[in-house]
Amino acid sequence: YIDKSGTAHVTEVWSANLNEGTEGYKPYYNLGNAKITNFKVSEDDSEYSFINWWNPHNSFSDKAYKNGINYVKNGLELCWGISKYGYHNYKLTYDIEGFVVKLTDADMVYWQLIPYELSQKPDNVHIKIYSDNKYSDELPVWGYGKYGATAYVSDGYIEMNSEGTLYSREYMTILVKFNKDTFDTYH
């Protein structure tokens, strides 16, 4: 959901059957002036505890039922403990301030929403972007990084679908050109 100021309020659901490792993570690189805040993880309606300084080298038990942000050279990683092996439905929520950027002639969204070289290959990715006002079917939308993936406007929402597994060199980037001053952002 993109609010009037151009901040994205993100909800992700990760369904996974895990049998190795100590954590899950979602990287964001080259954030520019954007800022990620309010990162939370939950599973089965139980919220994880947020750790201010996430250490990716901590043990399995130290990471259990916890989440945090690992700052790396060119961005950050949203991290959470696997907690136990088996099937999981993790719910991640966070905000991206500066998701929409103001250009001289338009407002723009240009984000790599799913990065390449994730440790696990996503079998299927579905992304839905919306705001208080429904988007026109003529809104210019482009998707990059995954051969055969779709990016379009339908019923007032922007949608992207991987149309299958994302392999290690594939990613999903969205580019959207909104009319100037669609959002009240100063980024």
C-alpha atoms as a PDB file:
ATOM      1  CA  TYR A   1       0.000   0.000   0.000  1.00  0.00           C
ATOM      2  CA  ILE A   2       1.410   3.420  -1.003  1.00  0.00           C
ATOM      3  CA  ASP A   3       0.122   6.266   1.150  1.00  0.00           C
ATOM      4  CA  LYS A   4      -0.336   9.870  -0.004  1.00  0.00           C
ATOM      5  CA  SER A   5       3.230  10.821   1.050  1.00  0.00           C
ATOM      6  CA  GLY A   6       4.746   8.099  -1.161  1.00  0.00           C
ATOM      7  CA  THR A   7       5.617   5.744   1.697  1.00  0.00           C
ATOM      8  CA  ALA A   8       5.060   2.049   0.982  1.00  0.00           C
ATOM      9  CA  HIS A   9       3.539  -0.033   3.786  1.00  0.00           C
ATOM     10  CA  VAL A  10       4.679  -3.521   2.846  1.00  0.00           C
ATOM     11  CA  THR A  11       3.228  -6.890   3.855  1.00  0.00           C
ATOM     12  CA  GLU A  12       4.971 -10.032   2.624  1.00  0.00           C
ATOM     13  CA  VAL A  13       4.013 -13.650   3.230  1.00  0.00           C
ATOM     14  CA  TRP A  14       6.819 -16.180   2.865  1.00  0.00           C
ATOM     15  CA  SER A  15       5.725 -19.818   2.733  1.00  0.00           C
ATOM     16  CA  ALA A  16       8.672 -22.177   3.063  1.00  0.00           C
ATOM     17  CA  ASN A  17       9.595 -25.715   4.045  1.00  0.00           C
ATOM     18  CA  LEU A  18      13.000 -25.321   5.727  1.00  0.00           C
ATOM     19  CA  ASN A  19      15.472 -27.981   6.802  1.00  0.00           C
ATOM     20  CA  GLU A  20      18.766 -26.078   7.091  1.00  0.00           C
ATOM     21  CA  GLY A  21      20.230 -22.695   8.032  1.00  0.00           C
ATOM     22  CA  THR A  22      19.559 -20.340  10.937  1.00  0.00           C
ATOM     23  CA  GLU A  23      17.741 -17.383   9.380  1.00  0.00           C
ATOM     24  CA  GLY A  24      15.705 -16.003   6.544  1.00  0.00           C
ATOM     25  CA  TYR A  25      16.487 -12.647   5.038  1.00  0.00           C
ATOM     26  CA  LYS A  26      15.286 -10.176   2.413  1.00  0.00           C
ATOM     27  CA  PRO A  27      17.994  -7.828   1.081  1.00  0.00           C
ATOM     28  CA  TYR A  28      17.557  -4.314  -0.246  1.00  0.00           C
ATOM     29  CA  TYR A  29      20.499  -2.648  -1.966  1.00  0.00           C
ATOM     30  CA  ASN A  30      21.163   0.884  -3.219  1.00  0.00           C
ATOM     31  CA  LEU A  31      18.428   2.504  -1.151  1.00  0.00           C
ATOM     32  CA  GLY A  32      19.455   6.072  -1.982  1.00  0.00           C
ATOM     33  CA  ASN A  33      17.485   8.445   0.258  1.00  0.00           C
ATOM     34  CA  ALA A  34      14.833   5.831   1.079  1.00  0.00           C
ATOM     35  CA  LYS A  35      14.574   4.455   4.600  1.00  0.00           C
ATOM     36  CA  ILE A  36      13.119   1.175   5.877  1.00  0.00           C
ATOM     37  CA  THR A  37      11.373   1.337   9.262  1.00  0.00           C
ATOM     38  CA  ASN A  38       8.927  -0.573  11.488  1.00  0.00           C
ATOM     39  CA  PHE A  39      10.205  -4.039  10.512  1.00  0.00           C
ATOM     40  CA  LYS A  40       8.160  -6.806  12.144  1.00  0.00           C
ATOM     41  CA  VAL A  41       7.910 -10.565  11.658  1.00  0.00           C
ATOM     42  CA  SER A  42       5.162 -12.864  12.872  1.00  0.00           C
ATOM     43  CA  GLU A  43       4.104 -16.463  12.460  1.00  0.00           C
ATOM     44  CA  ASP A  44       0.833 -18.055  13.570  1.00  0.00           C
ATOM     45  CA  ASP A  45      -0.231 -14.694  15.077  1.00  0.00           C
ATOM     46  CA  SER A  46       2.880 -14.611  17.321  1.00  0.00           C
ATOM     47  CA  GLU A  47       5.101 -11.584  16.801  1.00  0.00           C
ATOM     48  CA  TYR A  48       8.867 -12.039  16.897  1.00  0.00           C
ATOM     49  CA  SER A  49      11.075  -9.847  19.134  1.00  0.00           C
ATOM     50  CA  PHE A  50      12.962  -7.111  17.312  1.00  0.00           C
ATOM     51  CA  ILE A  51      16.741  -7.051  17.936  1.00  0.00           C
ATOM     52  CA  ASN A  52      18.419  -3.667  17.390  1.00  0.00           C
ATOM     53  CA  TRP A  53      21.725  -5.097  16.114  1.00  0.00           C
ATOM     54  CA  TRP A  54      21.198  -8.305  14.173  1.00  0.00           C
ATOM     55  CA  ASN A  55      24.236 -10.571  14.072  1.00  0.00           C
ATOM     56  CA  PRO A  56      24.059 -13.080  11.191  1.00  0.00           C
ATOM     57  CA  HIS A  57      26.719 -15.191  12.961  1.00  0.00           C
ATOM     58  CA  ASN A  58      24.564 -15.846  16.046  1.00  0.00           C
ATOM     59  CA  SER A  59      23.403 -19.386  16.747  1.00  0.00           C
ATOM     60  CA  PHE A  60      20.111 -20.956  15.709  1.00  0.00           C
ATOM     61  CA  SER A  61      18.773 -20.646  19.288  1.00  0.00           C
ATOM     62  CA  ASP A  62      19.948 -17.012  19.622  1.00  0.00           C
ATOM     63  CA  LYS A  63      17.934 -16.096  16.506  1.00  0.00           C
ATOM     64  CA  ALA A  64      14.808 -18.115  17.369  1.00  0.00           C
ATOM     65  CA  TYR A  65      11.631 -16.016  17.327  1.00  0.00           C
ATOM     66  CA  LYS A  66      13.615 -12.816  16.737  1.00  0.00           C
ATOM     67  CA  ASN A  67      14.058 -10.419  13.830  1.00  0.00           C
ATOM     68  CA  GLY A  68      16.280  -7.459  13.021  1.00  0.00           C
ATOM     69  CA  ILE A  69      18.166  -5.545  10.368  1.00  0.00           C
ATOM     70  CA  ASN A  70      21.680  -6.417   9.239  1.00  0.00           C
ATOM     71  CA  TYR A  71      23.335  -3.383   7.635  1.00  0.00           C
ATOM     72  CA  VAL A  72      25.672  -4.312   4.781  1.00  0.00           C
ATOM     73  CA  LYS A  73      28.027  -2.273   2.592  1.00  0.00           C
ATOM     74  CA  ASN A  74      25.482  -1.256  -0.057  1.00  0.00           C
ATOM     75  CA  GLY A  75      22.165  -1.669   1.782  1.00  0.00           C
ATOM     76  CA  LEU A  76      20.518  -3.841   4.376  1.00  0.00           C
ATOM     77  CA  GLU A  77      19.026  -7.248   5.023  1.00  0.00           C
ATOM     78  CA  LEU A  78      15.713  -7.758   6.817  1.00  0.00           C
ATOM     79  CA  CYS A  79      16.450 -10.881   8.905  1.00  0.00           C
ATOM     80  CA  TRP A  80      14.494 -13.320  11.048  1.00  0.00           C
ATOM     81  CA  GLY A  81      15.286 -16.554  12.847  1.00  0.00           C
ATOM     82  CA  ILE A  82      14.020 -19.784  11.317  1.00  0.00           C
ATOM     83  CA  SER A  83      13.228 -20.862  14.911  1.00  0.00           C
ATOM     84  CA  LYS A  84      12.478 -24.491  14.000  1.00  0.00           C
ATOM     85  CA  TYR A  85      12.734 -26.589  10.863  1.00  0.00           C
ATOM     86  CA  GLY A  86       9.675 -27.548   8.854  1.00  0.00           C
ATOM     87  CA  TYR A  87       6.869 -25.701   7.090  1.00  0.00           C
ATOM     88  CA  HIS A  88       6.376 -21.985   7.880  1.00  0.00           C
ATOM     89  CA  ASN A  89       4.240 -19.024   6.869  1.00  0.00           C
ATOM     90  CA  TYR A  90       6.215 -15.943   7.903  1.00  0.00           C
ATOM     91  CA  LYS A  91       4.519 -12.559   7.729  1.00  0.00           C
ATOM     92  CA  LEU A  92       6.879  -9.602   7.289  1.00  0.00           C
ATOM     93  CA  THR A  93       5.694  -6.006   7.572  1.00  0.00           C
ATOM     94  CA  TYR A  94       7.717  -2.820   7.169  1.00  0.00           C
ATOM     95  CA  ASP A  95       7.573   0.678   5.724  1.00  0.00           C
ATOM     96  CA  ILE A  96       9.697   2.153   2.931  1.00  0.00           C
ATOM     97  CA  GLU A  97       9.844   5.932   3.276  1.00  0.00           C
ATOM     98  CA  GLY A  98      10.747   7.427  -0.091  1.00  0.00           C
ATOM     99  CA  PHE A  99       9.288   4.543  -2.118  1.00  0.00           C
ATOM    100  CA  VAL A 100       7.912   7.103  -4.584  1.00  0.00           C
ATOM    101  CA  VAL A 101      10.391   9.609  -6.008  1.00  0.00           C
ATOM    102  CA  LYS A 102       9.433  13.012  -7.376  1.00  0.00           C
ATOM    103  CA  LEU A 103      10.929  13.840 -10.794  1.00  0.00           C
ATOM    104  CA  THR A 104      10.607  17.160 -12.602  1.00  0.00           C
ATOM    105  CA  ASP A 105       7.834  15.860 -14.863  1.00  0.00           C
ATOM    106  CA  ALA A 106       6.388  12.844 -12.987  1.00  0.00           C
ATOM    107  CA  ASP A 107       6.312  10.749  -9.821  1.00  0.00           C
ATOM    108  CA  MET A 108       8.097   7.416 -10.122  1.00  0.00           C
ATOM    109  CA  VAL A 109       8.490   4.033  -8.449  1.00  0.00           C
ATOM    110  CA  TYR A 110      11.624   2.143  -9.476  1.00  0.00           C
ATOM    111  CA  TRP A 111      12.463  -0.726  -7.108  1.00  0.00           C
ATOM    112  CA  GLN A 112      14.012  -4.140  -7.199  1.00  0.00           C
ATOM    113  CA  LEU A 113      11.318  -5.876  -5.144  1.00  0.00           C
ATOM    114  CA  ILE A 114      12.816  -9.366  -5.352  1.00  0.00           C
ATOM    115  CA  PRO A 115      16.632  -9.415  -5.632  1.00  0.00           C
ATOM    116  CA  TYR A 116      18.713 -11.936  -7.554  1.00  0.00           C
ATOM    117  CA  GLU A 117      20.765 -14.638  -5.847  1.00  0.00           C
ATOM    118  CA  LEU A 118      18.415 -15.269  -2.940  1.00  0.00           C
ATOM    119  CA  SER A 119      19.558 -18.248  -0.876  1.00  0.00           C
ATOM    120  CA  GLN A 120      16.266 -20.012  -1.670  1.00  0.00           C
ATOM    121  CA  LYS A 121      14.644 -19.944  -5.106  1.00  0.00           C
ATOM    122  CA  PRO A 122      11.085 -18.592  -4.855  1.00  0.00           C
ATOM    123  CA  ASP A 123       8.680 -20.973  -6.599  1.00  0.00           C
ATOM    124  CA  ASN A 124       6.163 -18.238  -7.254  1.00  0.00           C
ATOM    125  CA  VAL A 125       6.013 -14.497  -6.559  1.00  0.00           C
ATOM    126  CA  HIS A 126       2.880 -12.353  -6.696  1.00  0.00           C
ATOM    127  CA  ILE A 127       3.142  -8.618  -5.967  1.00  0.00           C
ATOM    128  CA  LYS A 128       0.186  -6.255  -5.630  1.00  0.00           C
ATOM    129  CA  ILE A 129       0.623  -2.464  -5.293  1.00  0.00           C
ATOM    130  CA  TYR A 130      -2.278  -0.179  -4.464  1.00  0.00           C
ATOM    131  CA  SER A 131      -3.178   3.171  -2.874  1.00  0.00           C
ATOM    132  CA  ASP A 132      -6.313   5.069  -1.880  1.00  0.00           C
ATOM    133  CA  ASN A 133      -7.112   5.823  -5.521  1.00  0.00           C
ATOM    134  CA  LYS A 134      -7.409   3.069  -8.096  1.00  0.00           C
ATOM    135  CA  TYR A 135      -4.843   3.177 -10.896  1.00  0.00           C
ATOM    136  CA  SER A 136      -5.850   3.593 -14.531  1.00  0.00           C
ATOM    137  CA  ASP A 137      -5.314   0.650 -16.880  1.00  0.00           C
ATOM    138  CA  GLU A 138      -3.254   3.085 -19.004  1.00  0.00           C
ATOM    139  CA  LEU A 139      -0.746   3.753 -16.198  1.00  0.00           C
ATOM    140  CA  PRO A 140       2.778   3.104 -17.602  1.00  0.00           C
ATOM    141  CA  VAL A 141       4.153   0.014 -15.789  1.00  0.00           C
ATOM    142  CA  TRP A 142       7.211  -2.080 -16.657  1.00  0.00           C
ATOM    143  CA  GLY A 143       8.685  -5.194 -15.074  1.00  0.00           C
ATOM    144  CA  TYR A 144      12.288  -6.373 -15.417  1.00  0.00           C
ATOM    145  CA  GLY A 145      14.534  -9.259 -14.427  1.00  0.00           C
ATOM    146  CA  LYS A 146      12.406 -12.386 -14.897  1.00  0.00           C
ATOM    147  CA  TYR A 147      11.769 -13.713 -18.382  1.00  0.00           C
ATOM    148  CA  GLY A 148       8.047 -14.338 -18.812  1.00  0.00           C
ATOM    149  CA  ALA A 149       7.019 -12.384 -15.712  1.00  0.00           C
ATOM    150  CA  THR A 150       4.103 -10.004 -16.015  1.00  0.00           C
ATOM    151  CA  ALA A 151       3.623  -6.399 -14.847  1.00  0.00           C
ATOM    152  CA  TYR A 152       0.297  -4.681 -15.461  1.00  0.00           C
ATOM    153  CA  VAL A 153      -2.640  -2.737 -13.993  1.00  0.00           C
ATOM    154  CA  SER A 154      -5.840  -4.668 -13.313  1.00  0.00           C
ATOM    155  CA  ASP A 155      -8.946  -3.532 -11.421  1.00  0.00           C
ATOM    156  CA  GLY A 156      -7.073  -0.427 -10.212  1.00  0.00           C
ATOM    157  CA  TYR A 157      -4.072  -2.342  -8.799  1.00  0.00           C
ATOM    158  CA  ILE A 158      -0.536  -2.774 -10.105  1.00  0.00           C
ATOM    159  CA  GLU A 159       0.379  -6.451 -10.214  1.00  0.00           C
ATOM    160  CA  MET A 160       3.532  -8.418 -10.954  1.00  0.00           C
ATOM    161  CA  ASN A 161       3.721 -12.196 -11.227  1.00  0.00           C
ATOM    162  CA  SER A 162       6.824 -14.330 -11.651  1.00  0.00           C
ATOM    163  CA  GLU A 163       4.848 -16.934 -13.623  1.00  0.00           C
ATOM    164  CA  GLY A 164       7.063 -19.618 -12.091  1.00  0.00           C
ATOM    165  CA  THR A 165      10.321 -20.136 -10.233  1.00  0.00           C
ATOM    166  CA  LEU A 166      12.904 -17.354  -9.945  1.00  0.00           C
ATOM    167  CA  TYR A 167      16.355 -18.797 -10.537  1.00  0.00           C
ATOM    168  CA  SER A 168      19.516 -17.367  -8.956  1.00  0.00           C
ATOM    169  CA  ARG A 169      20.239 -14.785 -11.683  1.00  0.00           C
ATOM    170  CA  GLU A 170      16.606 -13.646 -11.967  1.00  0.00           C
ATOM    171  CA  TYR A 171      14.991 -10.800 -10.039  1.00  0.00           C
ATOM    172  CA  MET A 172      11.843  -8.672 -10.111  1.00  0.00           C
ATOM    173  CA  THR A 173      12.100  -4.911 -10.624  1.00  0.00           C
ATOM    174  CA  ILE A 174       9.131  -2.590 -11.117  1.00  0.00           C
ATOM    175  CA  LEU A 175       9.093   0.783 -12.871  1.00  0.00           C
ATOM    176  CA  VAL A 176       5.932   2.900 -12.682  1.00  0.00           C
ATOM    177  CA  LYS A 177       5.470   6.431 -14.040  1.00  0.00           C
ATOM    178  CA  PHE A 178       2.705   8.353 -12.244  1.00  0.00           C
ATOM    179  CA  ASN A 179       1.420  11.782 -13.197  1.00  0.00           C
ATOM    180  CA  LYS A 180       3.325  14.625 -11.565  1.00  0.00           C
ATOM    181  CA  ASP A 181       2.161  15.349  -7.985  1.00  0.00           C
ATOM    182  CA  THR A 182       0.165  12.124  -7.648  1.00  0.00           C
ATOM    183  CA  PHE A 183       1.924  11.835  -4.275  1.00  0.00           C
ATOM    184  CA  ASP A 184       2.936  14.495  -1.744  1.00  0.00           C
ATOM    185  CA  THR A 185       6.529  13.324  -1.545  1.00  0.00           C
ATOM    186  CA  TYR A 186       9.689  15.406  -1.337  1.00  0.00           C
ATOM    187  CA  HIS A 187      12.160  12.617  -2.189  1.00  0.00           C
END
